[in-house]
Amino acid sequence: MPTTIPGASPGARPRCTRLDMELTGNPRALSLVRRILCTCALAQNLSPQVLSDVQLAVTEACTNVIKHAFRFDPTRRFGLQIQVTAQEYLIRVTYDDPQFDPATIPIPDLQHSREGGLGVFLIRHIMDEVEYLVDAATGTITLRMVKSLAAPDDPGGQGENRNPGR
């Protein structure tokens, strides 16, 4: 269960909700991830649109770990850290994959649609910040995703229409 630090009036957002967990490479973990994201969003009184965006991005990220890094091996484990404040919804997905190089993620050809290959593209357009941190010595990858909560009218994402000054 998420830890909520109270300090706001009823109906307002608490100061912080934080959760750290370890999940298996079993695809069934994805439904748990979505429920946890929902619980964290509800604890912070976030909009359904923010919840939908975060659920899509994090589900895509976790699916990529389970499918590509773990090859559906249920004995492998990855970390999920969620922290929601009044300013941002921060998610970190941490896993081991010594062969992965984020620089090799292809940019999809949207003119010639095909099934698959859009996960990272979607994540980058839904979330306000997306960063892969690679520890080459250990093979540990940390995907850091942030959804800004400070400007409710801002659709978010890292697309070409983003204000570069932010």
C-alpha atoms as a PDB file:
ATOM      1  CA  MET A   1       0.000   0.000   0.000  1.00  0.00           C
ATOM      2  CA  PRO A   2       1.377   3.447  -0.829  1.00  0.00           C
ATOM      3  CA  THR A   3       2.636   5.616   1.958  1.00  0.00           C
ATOM      4  CA  THR A   4       0.847   8.955   2.047  1.00  0.00           C
ATOM      5  CA  ILE A   5       2.188  11.813   4.067  1.00  0.00           C
ATOM      6  CA  PRO A   6      -0.821  13.874   5.067  1.00  0.00           C
ATOM      7  CA  GLY A   7      -0.737  17.603   5.339  1.00  0.00           C
ATOM      8  CA  ALA A   8      -3.364  18.939   3.011  1.00  0.00           C
ATOM      9  CA  SER A   9      -6.970  19.865   3.535  1.00  0.00           C
ATOM     10  CA  PRO A  10      -9.703  17.419   2.445  1.00  0.00           C
ATOM     11  CA  GLY A  11      -9.998  17.292  -1.352  1.00  0.00           C
ATOM     12  CA  ALA A  12      -6.484  18.677  -1.829  1.00  0.00           C
ATOM     13  CA  ARG A  13      -3.416  16.669  -2.684  1.00  0.00           C
ATOM     14  CA  PRO A  14      -1.332  15.237   0.143  1.00  0.00           C
ATOM     15  CA  ARG A  15       2.334  16.247   0.014  1.00  0.00           C
ATOM     16  CA  CYS A  16       3.709  12.924  -1.200  1.00  0.00           C
ATOM     17  CA  THR A  17       2.781   9.356  -2.028  1.00  0.00           C
ATOM     18  CA  ARG A  18       5.715   6.961  -2.393  1.00  0.00           C
ATOM     19  CA  LEU A  19       5.987   3.267  -3.170  1.00  0.00           C
ATOM     20  CA  ASP A  20       8.948   0.971  -3.852  1.00  0.00           C
ATOM     21  CA  MET A  21       8.364  -2.579  -4.998  1.00  0.00           C
ATOM     22  CA  GLU A  22       9.913  -5.518  -6.797  1.00  0.00           C
ATOM     23  CA  LEU A  23       7.974  -7.378  -9.500  1.00  0.00           C
ATOM     24  CA  THR A  24       8.536 -10.595 -11.423  1.00  0.00           C
ATOM     25  CA  GLY A  25       8.915 -11.011 -15.167  1.00  0.00           C
ATOM     26  CA  ASN A  26       5.470 -12.596 -15.307  1.00  0.00           C
ATOM     27  CA  PRO A  27       3.080 -10.581 -17.544  1.00  0.00           C
ATOM     28  CA  ARG A  28       0.418 -10.951 -14.834  1.00  0.00           C
ATOM     29  CA  ALA A  29       2.377  -8.337 -12.877  1.00  0.00           C
ATOM     30  CA  LEU A  30       1.108  -5.701 -15.328  1.00  0.00           C
ATOM     31  CA  SER A  31      -2.430  -5.680 -13.916  1.00  0.00           C
ATOM     32  CA  LEU A  32      -0.978  -5.162 -10.433  1.00  0.00           C
ATOM     33  CA  VAL A  33       1.118  -2.265 -11.732  1.00  0.00           C
ATOM     34  CA  ARG A  34      -1.963  -0.584 -13.224  1.00  0.00           C
ATOM     35  CA  ARG A  35      -3.918  -0.987  -9.961  1.00  0.00           C
ATOM     36  CA  ILE A  36      -1.046   0.475  -7.949  1.00  0.00           C
ATOM     37  CA  LEU A  37      -0.736   3.446 -10.306  1.00  0.00           C
ATOM     38  CA  CYS A  38      -4.471   4.034  -9.921  1.00  0.00           C
ATOM     39  CA  THR A  39      -4.255   3.875  -6.127  1.00  0.00           C
ATOM     40  CA  CYS A  40      -1.395   6.391  -6.092  1.00  0.00           C
ATOM     41  CA  ALA A  41      -3.313   8.731  -8.419  1.00  0.00           C
ATOM     42  CA  LEU A  42      -6.450   8.489  -6.278  1.00  0.00           C
ATOM     43  CA  ALA A  43      -4.438   9.206  -3.127  1.00  0.00           C
ATOM     44  CA  GLN A  44      -3.284  12.428  -4.790  1.00  0.00           C
ATOM     45  CA  ASN A  45      -6.674  13.381  -6.323  1.00  0.00           C
ATOM     46  CA  LEU A  46      -5.210  13.356  -9.851  1.00  0.00           C
ATOM     47  CA  SER A  47      -7.317  13.680 -12.980  1.00  0.00           C
ATOM     48  CA  PRO A  48      -8.411  10.649 -14.991  1.00  0.00           C
ATOM     49  CA  GLN A  49      -6.343  11.967 -17.948  1.00  0.00           C
ATOM     50  CA  VAL A  50      -3.131  12.026 -15.891  1.00  0.00           C
ATOM     51  CA  LEU A  51      -3.880   8.533 -14.591  1.00  0.00           C
ATOM     52  CA  SER A  52      -4.554   7.258 -18.111  1.00  0.00           C
ATOM     53  CA  ASP A  53      -1.305   8.758 -19.446  1.00  0.00           C
ATOM     54  CA  VAL A  54       0.781   7.380 -16.599  1.00  0.00           C
ATOM     55  CA  GLN A  55      -0.817   3.936 -16.792  1.00  0.00           C
ATOM     56  CA  LEU A  56      -0.164   3.708 -20.535  1.00  0.00           C
ATOM     57  CA  ALA A  57       3.467   4.847 -20.263  1.00  0.00           C
ATOM     58  CA  VAL A  58       4.335   2.650 -17.284  1.00  0.00           C
ATOM     59  CA  THR A  59       2.525  -0.388 -18.681  1.00  0.00           C
ATOM     60  CA  GLU A  60       4.462   0.027 -21.941  1.00  0.00           C
ATOM     61  CA  ALA A  61       7.746   0.343 -20.038  1.00  0.00           C
ATOM     62  CA  CYS A  62       7.089  -2.721 -17.870  1.00  0.00           C
ATOM     63  CA  THR A  63       5.897  -4.717 -20.892  1.00  0.00           C
ATOM     64  CA  ASN A  64       9.174  -3.898 -22.656  1.00  0.00           C
ATOM     65  CA  VAL A  65      11.156  -5.158 -19.659  1.00  0.00           C
ATOM     66  CA  ILE A  66       9.137  -8.384 -19.393  1.00  0.00           C
ATOM     67  CA  LYS A  67       9.106  -9.066 -23.134  1.00  0.00           C
ATOM     68  CA  HIS A  68      12.487  -7.838 -24.378  1.00  0.00           C
ATOM     69  CA  ALA A  69      14.857  -7.848 -21.393  1.00  0.00           C
ATOM     70  CA  PHE A  70      13.435 -10.846 -19.534  1.00  0.00           C
ATOM     71  CA  ARG A  71      11.919 -12.775 -22.474  1.00  0.00           C
ATOM     72  CA  PHE A  72       8.924 -13.610 -20.244  1.00  0.00           C
ATOM     73  CA  ASP A  73      11.126 -15.306 -17.616  1.00  0.00           C
ATOM     74  CA  PRO A  74       9.024 -15.210 -14.413  1.00  0.00           C
ATOM     75  CA  THR A  75      12.112 -15.817 -12.252  1.00  0.00           C
ATOM     76  CA  ARG A  76      13.624 -12.439 -13.217  1.00  0.00           C
ATOM     77  CA  ARG A  77      12.767  -9.365 -11.167  1.00  0.00           C
ATOM     78  CA  PHE A  78      12.593  -5.622 -11.743  1.00  0.00           C
ATOM     79  CA  GLY A  79      12.090  -2.658  -9.470  1.00  0.00           C
ATOM     80  CA  LEU A  80       9.288  -0.136  -9.655  1.00  0.00           C
ATOM     81  CA  GLN A  81       9.478   3.095  -7.714  1.00  0.00           C
ATOM     82  CA  ILE A  82       6.591   5.553  -7.703  1.00  0.00           C
ATOM     83  CA  GLN A  83       6.633   8.972  -6.118  1.00  0.00           C
ATOM     84  CA  VAL A  84       3.772  11.426  -6.503  1.00  0.00           C
ATOM     85  CA  THR A  85       3.990  14.980  -5.214  1.00  0.00           C
ATOM     86  CA  ALA A  86       1.962  18.096  -5.952  1.00  0.00           C
ATOM     87  CA  GLN A  87       4.449  18.894  -8.734  1.00  0.00           C
ATOM     88  CA  GLU A  88       5.071  15.550 -10.447  1.00  0.00           C
ATOM     89  CA  TYR A  89       4.321  11.863 -10.871  1.00  0.00           C
ATOM     90  CA  LEU A  90       7.760  10.201 -10.943  1.00  0.00           C
ATOM     91  CA  ILE A  91       8.256   6.562 -11.919  1.00  0.00           C
ATOM     92  CA  ARG A  92      11.487   4.596 -12.072  1.00  0.00           C
ATOM     93  CA  VAL A  93      11.686   1.131 -13.597  1.00  0.00           C
ATOM     94  CA  THR A  94      14.988  -0.601 -12.762  1.00  0.00           C
ATOM     95  CA  TYR A  95      16.178  -3.891 -14.250  1.00  0.00           C
ATOM     96  CA  ASP A  96      19.240  -5.759 -15.452  1.00  0.00           C
ATOM     97  CA  ASP A  97      19.907  -6.012 -19.192  1.00  0.00           C
ATOM     98  CA  PRO A  98      23.613  -5.782 -20.082  1.00  0.00           C
ATOM     99  CA  GLN A  99      22.864  -5.967 -23.830  1.00  0.00           C
ATOM    100  CA  PHE A 100      20.443  -3.017 -23.917  1.00  0.00           C
ATOM    101  CA  ASP A 101      21.606   0.292 -25.377  1.00  0.00           C
ATOM    102  CA  PRO A 102      18.913   3.004 -25.327  1.00  0.00           C
ATOM    103  CA  ALA A 103      20.663   4.753 -28.228  1.00  0.00           C
ATOM    104  CA  THR A 104      19.653   1.824 -30.477  1.00  0.00           C
ATOM    105  CA  ILE A 105      15.904   2.300 -29.976  1.00  0.00           C
ATOM    106  CA  PRO A 106      14.630   3.017 -33.478  1.00  0.00           C
ATOM    107  CA  ILE A 107      12.374   5.939 -34.276  1.00  0.00           C
ATOM    108  CA  PRO A 108       9.209   4.386 -35.704  1.00  0.00           C
ATOM    109  CA  ASP A 109       8.114   5.089 -39.260  1.00  0.00           C
ATOM    110  CA  LEU A 110       4.599   6.379 -38.670  1.00  0.00           C
ATOM    111  CA  GLN A 111       3.893   6.499 -42.425  1.00  0.00           C
ATOM    112  CA  HIS A 112       4.105   2.702 -42.614  1.00  0.00           C
ATOM    113  CA  SER A 113       2.277   1.394 -39.606  1.00  0.00           C
ATOM    114  CA  ARG A 114       2.925  -2.051 -38.243  1.00  0.00           C
ATOM    115  CA  GLU A 115       2.122  -3.786 -35.007  1.00  0.00           C
ATOM    116  CA  GLY A 116       4.639  -3.190 -32.246  1.00  0.00           C
ATOM    117  CA  GLY A 117       7.611  -0.884 -31.964  1.00  0.00           C
ATOM    118  CA  LEU A 118       5.714   2.139 -30.665  1.00  0.00           C
ATOM    119  CA  GLY A 119       6.137   1.684 -26.899  1.00  0.00           C
ATOM    120  CA  VAL A 120       9.100   4.000 -26.283  1.00  0.00           C
ATOM    121  CA  PHE A 121       7.727   6.472 -28.836  1.00  0.00           C
ATOM    122  CA  LEU A 122       4.432   6.617 -26.899  1.00  0.00           C
ATOM    123  CA  ILE A 123       6.203   6.904 -23.554  1.00  0.00           C
ATOM    124  CA  ARG A 124       8.256   9.856 -24.807  1.00  0.00           C
ATOM    125  CA  HIS A 125       5.175  11.651 -26.113  1.00  0.00           C
ATOM    126  CA  ILE A 126       2.988  11.027 -23.075  1.00  0.00           C
ATOM    127  CA  MET A 127       5.466  11.803 -20.320  1.00  0.00           C
ATOM    128  CA  ASP A 128       7.151  15.174 -19.759  1.00  0.00           C
ATOM    129  CA  GLU A 129      10.571  13.702 -19.009  1.00  0.00           C
ATOM    130  CA  VAL A 130      11.956  10.332 -20.101  1.00  0.00           C
ATOM    131  CA  GLU A 131      15.514   9.293 -19.374  1.00  0.00           C
ATOM    132  CA  TYR A 132      17.378   5.994 -19.550  1.00  0.00           C
ATOM    133  CA  LEU A 133      20.222   5.714 -17.047  1.00  0.00           C
ATOM    134  CA  VAL A 134      22.670   2.928 -17.842  1.00  0.00           C
ATOM    135  CA  ASP A 135      25.215   1.478 -15.425  1.00  0.00           C
ATOM    136  CA  ALA A 136      27.572  -0.189 -17.910  1.00  0.00           C
ATOM    137  CA  ALA A 137      29.556  -1.884 -15.141  1.00  0.00           C
ATOM    138  CA  THR A 138      26.537  -3.782 -13.759  1.00  0.00           C
ATOM    139  CA  GLY A 139      24.174  -3.839 -16.752  1.00  0.00           C
ATOM    140  CA  THR A 140      21.502  -2.104 -14.666  1.00  0.00           C
ATOM    141  CA  ILE A 141      19.059   0.086 -16.556  1.00  0.00           C
ATOM    142  CA  THR A 142      16.875   2.694 -14.872  1.00  0.00           C
ATOM    143  CA  LEU A 143      14.078   4.218 -16.905  1.00  0.00           C
ATOM    144  CA  ARG A 144      13.031   7.480 -15.270  1.00  0.00           C
ATOM    145  CA  MET A 145       9.666   8.938 -16.327  1.00  0.00           C
ATOM    146  CA  VAL A 146       8.048  12.131 -15.058  1.00  0.00           C
ATOM    147  CA  LYS A 147       4.568  13.508 -15.618  1.00  0.00           C
ATOM    148  CA  SER A 148       4.386  17.138 -14.553  1.00  0.00           C
ATOM    149  CA  LEU A 149       1.350  18.027 -12.447  1.00  0.00           C
ATOM    150  CA  ALA A 150       2.009  21.744 -12.059  1.00  0.00           C
ATOM    151  CA  ALA A 151       0.232  22.925 -15.250  1.00  0.00           C
ATOM    152  CA  PRO A 152      -3.141  21.151 -15.522  1.00  0.00           C
ATOM    153  CA  ASP A 153      -3.893  22.508 -19.039  1.00  0.00           C
ATOM    154  CA  ASP A 154      -0.596  21.205 -20.460  1.00  0.00           C
ATOM    155  CA  PRO A 155      -1.057  17.903 -22.351  1.00  0.00           C
ATOM    156  CA  GLY A 156       2.521  16.884 -21.575  1.00  0.00           C
ATOM    157  CA  GLY A 157       4.861  14.766 -23.613  1.00  0.00           C
ATOM    158  CA  GLN A 158       8.137  15.530 -25.305  1.00  0.00           C
ATOM    159  CA  GLY A 159       6.707  16.219 -28.755  1.00  0.00           C
ATOM    160  CA  GLU A 160       7.694  19.068 -31.038  1.00  0.00           C
ATOM    161  CA  ASN A 161       4.937  21.310 -29.658  1.00  0.00           C
ATOM    162  CA  ARG A 162       6.494  21.417 -26.190  1.00  0.00           C
ATOM    163  CA  ASN A 163       7.647  24.738 -24.809  1.00  0.00           C
ATOM    164  CA  PRO A 164      11.463  24.468 -24.896  1.00  0.00           C
ATOM    165  CA  GLY A 165      11.781  26.837 -21.949  1.00  0.00           C
ATOM    166  CA  ARG A 166      10.227  24.322 -19.547  1.00  0.00           C
END
